Amino acid sequence: MPSTFQALAVALLALLPGASYTFAYERVVGSFGVSLADRLIRFLVVSGVFGALLAAPGLIAYRDVIVTGRLASGEVNALVVEGVALAYLLLPTVAGAVIGHGQLRDWRLVSTVIGSAPQPRAWDYLWRPGPRAWYGCGSRAVPGSPESSQRPETSDVPTRPGIPRIRISI
């Protein structure tokens, strides 16, 4: 646990590339079945990958700008500093969006790198064990049909007033 404000700021800045990548990726493909623990692990792993990719350019920039004192003396253009900060945020975001689109379009390179675990579809939920499916419609069921005599269990699925819930069991 960080003990100072500076340590907390460094920890958050270290997680920023992973967070921006993950949020951009999930915006494109969705965040099915992702808990906070899963998302935190993704933040850490992706931040580690971007940290490894940017280690050499970061070392070169550190030697040329920080060690020489050019940043402290004001010799570095403010637009360069702003460009580096935007690139630190935008490169992982663009990478997440591109990889998300590659996942949706079944690009071979993307599926080789991140795997091919497709999103669950409605049929996947229908065939899983337990309460299989719920059907809700805006109008009442046809009188005399088997569905009209069924009373859904309100503890399984939250209901909205005026929309009947009908359990379909296979």
C-alpha atoms as a PDB file:
ATOM      1  CA  MET A   1       0.000   0.000   0.000  1.00  0.00           C
ATOM      2  CA  PRO A   2       1.437   3.407  -0.953  1.00  0.00           C
ATOM      3  CA  SER A   3       2.436   5.415   2.100  1.00  0.00           C
ATOM      4  CA  THR A   4       2.678   8.853   0.484  1.00  0.00           C
ATOM      5  CA  PHE A   5       0.707  10.857  -2.020  1.00  0.00           C
ATOM      6  CA  GLN A   6       3.583  10.668  -4.503  1.00  0.00           C
ATOM      7  CA  ALA A   7       3.643   6.863  -4.273  1.00  0.00           C
ATOM      8  CA  LEU A   8      -0.111   6.755  -4.886  1.00  0.00           C
ATOM      9  CA  ALA A   9       0.259   9.065  -7.910  1.00  0.00           C
ATOM     10  CA  VAL A  10       3.035   6.857  -9.344  1.00  0.00           C
ATOM     11  CA  ALA A  11       0.934   3.730  -8.798  1.00  0.00           C
ATOM     12  CA  LEU A  12      -2.064   5.292 -10.559  1.00  0.00           C
ATOM     13  CA  LEU A  13       0.111   6.516 -13.426  1.00  0.00           C
ATOM     14  CA  ALA A  14       1.542   3.012 -13.765  1.00  0.00           C
ATOM     15  CA  LEU A  15      -1.994   1.562 -14.072  1.00  0.00           C
ATOM     16  CA  LEU A  16      -3.227   4.236 -16.495  1.00  0.00           C
ATOM     17  CA  PRO A  17      -2.119   2.535 -19.752  1.00  0.00           C
ATOM     18  CA  GLY A  18      -3.723  -0.749 -18.715  1.00  0.00           C
ATOM     19  CA  ALA A  19      -6.927   0.965 -17.653  1.00  0.00           C
ATOM     20  CA  SER A  20      -7.242   3.001 -20.841  1.00  0.00           C
ATOM     21  CA  TYR A  21      -6.539  -0.079 -22.987  1.00  0.00           C
ATOM     22  CA  THR A  22      -9.040  -2.233 -21.068  1.00  0.00           C
ATOM     23  CA  PHE A  23     -11.811   0.378 -21.132  1.00  0.00           C
ATOM     24  CA  ALA A  24     -11.332   0.946 -24.893  1.00  0.00           C
ATOM     25  CA  TYR A  25     -11.292  -2.814 -25.556  1.00  0.00           C
ATOM     26  CA  GLU A  26     -14.418  -3.412 -23.454  1.00  0.00           C
ATOM     27  CA  ARG A  27     -16.180  -0.487 -25.130  1.00  0.00           C
ATOM     28  CA  VAL A  28     -15.823  -2.301 -28.453  1.00  0.00           C
ATOM     29  CA  VAL A  29     -16.397  -5.957 -27.505  1.00  0.00           C
ATOM     30  CA  GLY A  30     -18.294  -5.625 -24.225  1.00  0.00           C
ATOM     31  CA  SER A  31     -17.424  -6.549 -20.678  1.00  0.00           C
ATOM     32  CA  PHE A  32     -19.191  -9.885 -20.319  1.00  0.00           C
ATOM     33  CA  GLY A  33     -18.431 -11.766 -17.118  1.00  0.00           C
ATOM     34  CA  VAL A  34     -15.765  -9.354 -15.922  1.00  0.00           C
ATOM     35  CA  SER A  35     -15.476  -8.757 -12.202  1.00  0.00           C
ATOM     36  CA  LEU A  36     -13.385  -6.134 -10.443  1.00  0.00           C
ATOM     37  CA  ALA A  37     -10.632  -8.687  -9.758  1.00  0.00           C
ATOM     38  CA  ASP A  38     -10.498  -9.704 -13.450  1.00  0.00           C
ATOM     39  CA  ARG A  39     -10.368  -6.086 -14.538  1.00  0.00           C
ATOM     40  CA  LEU A  40      -7.585  -5.269 -12.054  1.00  0.00           C
ATOM     41  CA  ILE A  41      -5.509  -8.198 -13.324  1.00  0.00           C
ATOM     42  CA  ARG A  42      -6.025  -6.954 -16.893  1.00  0.00           C
ATOM     43  CA  PHE A  43      -4.945  -3.451 -15.815  1.00  0.00           C
ATOM     44  CA  LEU A  44      -1.758  -4.833 -14.279  1.00  0.00           C
ATOM     45  CA  VAL A  45      -0.863  -7.154 -17.166  1.00  0.00           C
ATOM     46  CA  VAL A  46      -1.503  -4.612 -19.909  1.00  0.00           C
ATOM     47  CA  SER A  47       0.302  -1.901 -17.938  1.00  0.00           C
ATOM     48  CA  GLY A  48       3.262  -4.265 -17.617  1.00  0.00           C
ATOM     49  CA  VAL A  49       3.264  -4.916 -21.362  1.00  0.00           C
ATOM     50  CA  PHE A  50       3.156  -1.203 -22.185  1.00  0.00           C
ATOM     51  CA  GLY A  51       5.806  -0.550 -19.525  1.00  0.00           C
ATOM     52  CA  ALA A  52       8.086  -3.114 -21.151  1.00  0.00           C
ATOM     53  CA  LEU A  53       7.479  -1.669 -24.624  1.00  0.00           C
ATOM     54  CA  LEU A  54       8.162   1.888 -23.466  1.00  0.00           C
ATOM     55  CA  ALA A  55      11.134   1.108 -21.189  1.00  0.00           C
ATOM     56  CA  ALA A  56      13.863   1.872 -23.739  1.00  0.00           C
ATOM     57  CA  PRO A  57      12.313   5.140 -25.025  1.00  0.00           C
ATOM     58  CA  GLY A  58      11.649   6.142 -21.425  1.00  0.00           C
ATOM     59  CA  LEU A  59      15.271   5.519 -20.439  1.00  0.00           C
ATOM     60  CA  ILE A  60      16.530   7.536 -23.393  1.00  0.00           C
ATOM     61  CA  ALA A  61      14.169  10.398 -22.567  1.00  0.00           C
ATOM     62  CA  TYR A  62      15.183  10.231 -18.895  1.00  0.00           C
ATOM     63  CA  ARG A  63      18.880  10.474 -19.800  1.00  0.00           C
ATOM     64  CA  ASP A  64      18.392  13.278 -22.317  1.00  0.00           C
ATOM     65  CA  VAL A  65      15.836  15.386 -20.466  1.00  0.00           C
ATOM     66  CA  ILE A  66      15.929  14.712 -16.712  1.00  0.00           C
ATOM     67  CA  VAL A  67      19.574  13.835 -15.990  1.00  0.00           C
ATOM     68  CA  THR A  68      20.933  16.669 -18.107  1.00  0.00           C
ATOM     69  CA  GLY A  69      18.633  19.137 -16.324  1.00  0.00           C
ATOM     70  CA  ARG A  70      16.976  20.364 -19.525  1.00  0.00           C
ATOM     71  CA  LEU A  71      13.470  19.895 -18.109  1.00  0.00           C
ATOM     72  CA  ALA A  72      14.242  21.761 -14.869  1.00  0.00           C
ATOM     73  CA  SER A  73      15.863  24.658 -16.723  1.00  0.00           C
ATOM     74  CA  GLY A  74      12.943  24.975 -19.142  1.00  0.00           C
ATOM     75  CA  GLU A  75      14.841  24.030 -22.299  1.00  0.00           C
ATOM     76  CA  VAL A  76      12.259  21.394 -23.263  1.00  0.00           C
ATOM     77  CA  ASN A  77       9.324  22.677 -25.276  1.00  0.00           C
ATOM     78  CA  ALA A  78       6.007  22.458 -23.393  1.00  0.00           C
ATOM     79  CA  LEU A  79       4.316  21.005 -26.486  1.00  0.00           C
ATOM     80  CA  VAL A  80       6.747  18.077 -26.433  1.00  0.00           C
ATOM     81  CA  VAL A  81       5.894  17.356 -22.805  1.00  0.00           C
ATOM     82  CA  GLU A  82       2.175  17.625 -23.623  1.00  0.00           C
ATOM     83  CA  GLY A  83       2.614  15.329 -26.641  1.00  0.00           C
ATOM     84  CA  VAL A  84       4.343  12.690 -24.520  1.00  0.00           C
ATOM     85  CA  ALA A  85       1.552  12.861 -21.925  1.00  0.00           C
ATOM     86  CA  LEU A  86      -1.155  12.511 -24.597  1.00  0.00           C
ATOM     87  CA  ALA A  87       0.695   9.636 -26.257  1.00  0.00           C
ATOM     88  CA  TYR A  88       0.941   7.889 -22.865  1.00  0.00           C
ATOM     89  CA  LEU A  89      -2.842   7.971 -22.678  1.00  0.00           C
ATOM     90  CA  LEU A  90      -3.877   7.683 -26.337  1.00  0.00           C
ATOM     91  CA  LEU A  91      -1.597   4.863 -27.546  1.00  0.00           C
ATOM     92  CA  PRO A  92      -3.093   2.243 -25.188  1.00  0.00           C
ATOM     93  CA  THR A  93      -6.604   3.539 -25.912  1.00  0.00           C
ATOM     94  CA  VAL A  94      -6.127   3.221 -29.667  1.00  0.00           C
ATOM     95  CA  ALA A  95      -4.501  -0.200 -29.216  1.00  0.00           C
ATOM     96  CA  GLY A  96      -7.477  -1.400 -27.149  1.00  0.00           C
ATOM     97  CA  ALA A  97      -9.983  -0.174 -29.735  1.00  0.00           C
ATOM     98  CA  VAL A  98      -8.047  -1.709 -32.655  1.00  0.00           C
ATOM     99  CA  ILE A  99      -7.650  -5.049 -30.885  1.00  0.00           C
ATOM    100  CA  GLY A 100     -11.332  -4.991 -29.930  1.00  0.00           C
ATOM    101  CA  HIS A 101     -12.334  -4.453 -33.551  1.00  0.00           C
ATOM    102  CA  GLY A 102      -9.911  -7.200 -34.572  1.00  0.00           C
ATOM    103  CA  GLN A 103     -11.574  -9.537 -32.064  1.00  0.00           C
ATOM    104  CA  LEU A 104     -15.004  -8.784 -33.526  1.00  0.00           C
ATOM    105  CA  ARG A 105     -13.798  -9.248 -37.105  1.00  0.00           C
ATOM    106  CA  ASP A 106     -11.829 -12.447 -36.307  1.00  0.00           C
ATOM    107  CA  TRP A 107      -8.409 -11.159 -37.298  1.00  0.00           C
ATOM    108  CA  ARG A 108      -5.974 -14.052 -37.091  1.00  0.00           C
ATOM    109  CA  LEU A 109      -3.171 -12.052 -35.445  1.00  0.00           C
ATOM    110  CA  VAL A 110      -5.503 -10.717 -32.738  1.00  0.00           C
ATOM    111  CA  SER A 111      -6.946 -14.136 -31.940  1.00  0.00           C
ATOM    112  CA  THR A 112      -3.413 -15.558 -31.795  1.00  0.00           C
ATOM    113  CA  VAL A 113      -2.284 -12.919 -29.313  1.00  0.00           C
ATOM    114  CA  ILE A 114      -5.303 -12.606 -27.005  1.00  0.00           C
ATOM    115  CA  GLY A 115      -7.107 -15.867 -27.683  1.00  0.00           C
ATOM    116  CA  SER A 116     -10.548 -16.526 -29.052  1.00  0.00           C
ATOM    117  CA  ALA A 117     -13.086 -16.634 -26.254  1.00  0.00           C
ATOM    118  CA  PRO A 118     -16.278 -15.434 -27.912  1.00  0.00           C
ATOM    119  CA  GLN A 119     -18.908 -13.499 -26.037  1.00  0.00           C
ATOM    120  CA  PRO A 120     -21.776 -15.561 -24.669  1.00  0.00           C
ATOM    121  CA  ARG A 121     -24.898 -15.301 -26.784  1.00  0.00           C
ATOM    122  CA  ALA A 122     -28.550 -15.732 -25.857  1.00  0.00           C
ATOM    123  CA  TRP A 123     -28.399 -19.424 -26.761  1.00  0.00           C
ATOM    124  CA  ASP A 124     -25.532 -19.914 -24.308  1.00  0.00           C
ATOM    125  CA  TYR A 125     -27.721 -18.582 -21.523  1.00  0.00           C
ATOM    126  CA  LEU A 126     -30.607 -20.767 -22.655  1.00  0.00           C
ATOM    127  CA  TRP A 127     -28.613 -24.019 -22.399  1.00  0.00           C
ATOM    128  CA  ARG A 128     -26.822 -23.331 -19.125  1.00  0.00           C
ATOM    129  CA  PRO A 129     -27.927 -25.204 -15.984  1.00  0.00           C
ATOM    130  CA  GLY A 130     -30.341 -23.624 -13.552  1.00  0.00           C
ATOM    131  CA  PRO A 131     -33.073 -21.188 -14.526  1.00  0.00           C
ATOM    132  CA  ARG A 132     -32.648 -21.288 -18.255  1.00  0.00           C
ATOM    133  CA  ALA A 133     -34.435 -18.383 -19.808  1.00  0.00           C
ATOM    134  CA  TRP A 134     -37.020 -15.742 -19.192  1.00  0.00           C
ATOM    135  CA  TYR A 135     -39.276 -14.338 -21.808  1.00  0.00           C
ATOM    136  CA  GLY A 136     -40.870 -10.953 -21.286  1.00  0.00           C
ATOM    137  CA  CYS A 137     -43.243  -9.275 -23.650  1.00  0.00           C
ATOM    138  CA  GLY A 138     -45.150  -6.030 -23.580  1.00  0.00           C
ATOM    139  CA  SER A 139     -48.577  -7.643 -23.833  1.00  0.00           C
ATOM    140  CA  ARG A 140     -50.292 -10.325 -21.814  1.00  0.00           C
ATOM    141  CA  ALA A 141     -50.020 -13.985 -22.798  1.00  0.00           C
ATOM    142  CA  VAL A 142     -52.844 -15.448 -24.868  1.00  0.00           C
ATOM    143  CA  PRO A 143     -55.606 -16.730 -22.549  1.00  0.00           C
ATOM    144  CA  GLY A 144     -55.702 -20.510 -22.467  1.00  0.00           C
ATOM    145  CA  SER A 145     -52.076 -20.958 -23.494  1.00  0.00           C
ATOM    146  CA  PRO A 146     -49.736 -22.848 -21.151  1.00  0.00           C
ATOM    147  CA  GLU A 147     -47.770 -19.642 -20.566  1.00  0.00           C
ATOM    148  CA  SER A 148     -50.800 -17.751 -19.260  1.00  0.00           C
ATOM    149  CA  SER A 149     -51.308 -20.232 -16.414  1.00  0.00           C
ATOM    150  CA  GLN A 150     -47.696 -20.099 -15.251  1.00  0.00           C
ATOM    151  CA  ARG A 151     -46.800 -17.795 -12.413  1.00  0.00           C
ATOM    152  CA  PRO A 152     -43.155 -16.743 -12.604  1.00  0.00           C
ATOM    153  CA  GLU A 153     -41.039 -16.880  -9.504  1.00  0.00           C
ATOM    154  CA  THR A 154     -40.301 -13.306  -8.526  1.00  0.00           C
ATOM    155  CA  SER A 155     -37.214 -14.246  -6.544  1.00  0.00           C
ATOM    156  CA  ASP A 156     -35.287 -15.355  -9.664  1.00  0.00           C
ATOM    157  CA  VAL A 157     -35.682 -12.347 -11.912  1.00  0.00           C
ATOM    158  CA  PRO A 158     -36.677  -8.775 -11.087  1.00  0.00           C
ATOM    159  CA  THR A 159     -39.973  -7.860 -12.716  1.00  0.00           C
ATOM    160  CA  ARG A 160     -41.287  -4.599 -14.000  1.00  0.00           C
ATOM    161  CA  PRO A 161     -44.939  -3.646 -13.571  1.00  0.00           C
ATOM    162  CA  GLY A 162     -47.086  -4.510 -16.581  1.00  0.00           C
ATOM    163  CA  ILE A 163     -44.599  -6.922 -18.176  1.00  0.00           C
ATOM    164  CA  PRO A 164     -45.263 -10.559 -17.349  1.00  0.00           C
ATOM    165  CA  ARG A 165     -42.334 -12.913 -16.914  1.00  0.00           C
ATOM    166  CA  ILE A 166     -42.801 -16.380 -18.312  1.00  0.00           C
ATOM    167  CA  ARG A 167     -40.435 -19.196 -17.482  1.00  0.00           C
ATOM    168  CA  ILE A 168     -39.412 -21.407 -20.352  1.00  0.00           C
ATOM    169  CA  SER A 169     -38.134 -24.800 -19.255  1.00  0.00           C
ATOM    170  CA  ILE A 170     -36.686 -27.307 -21.641  1.00  0.00           C
END
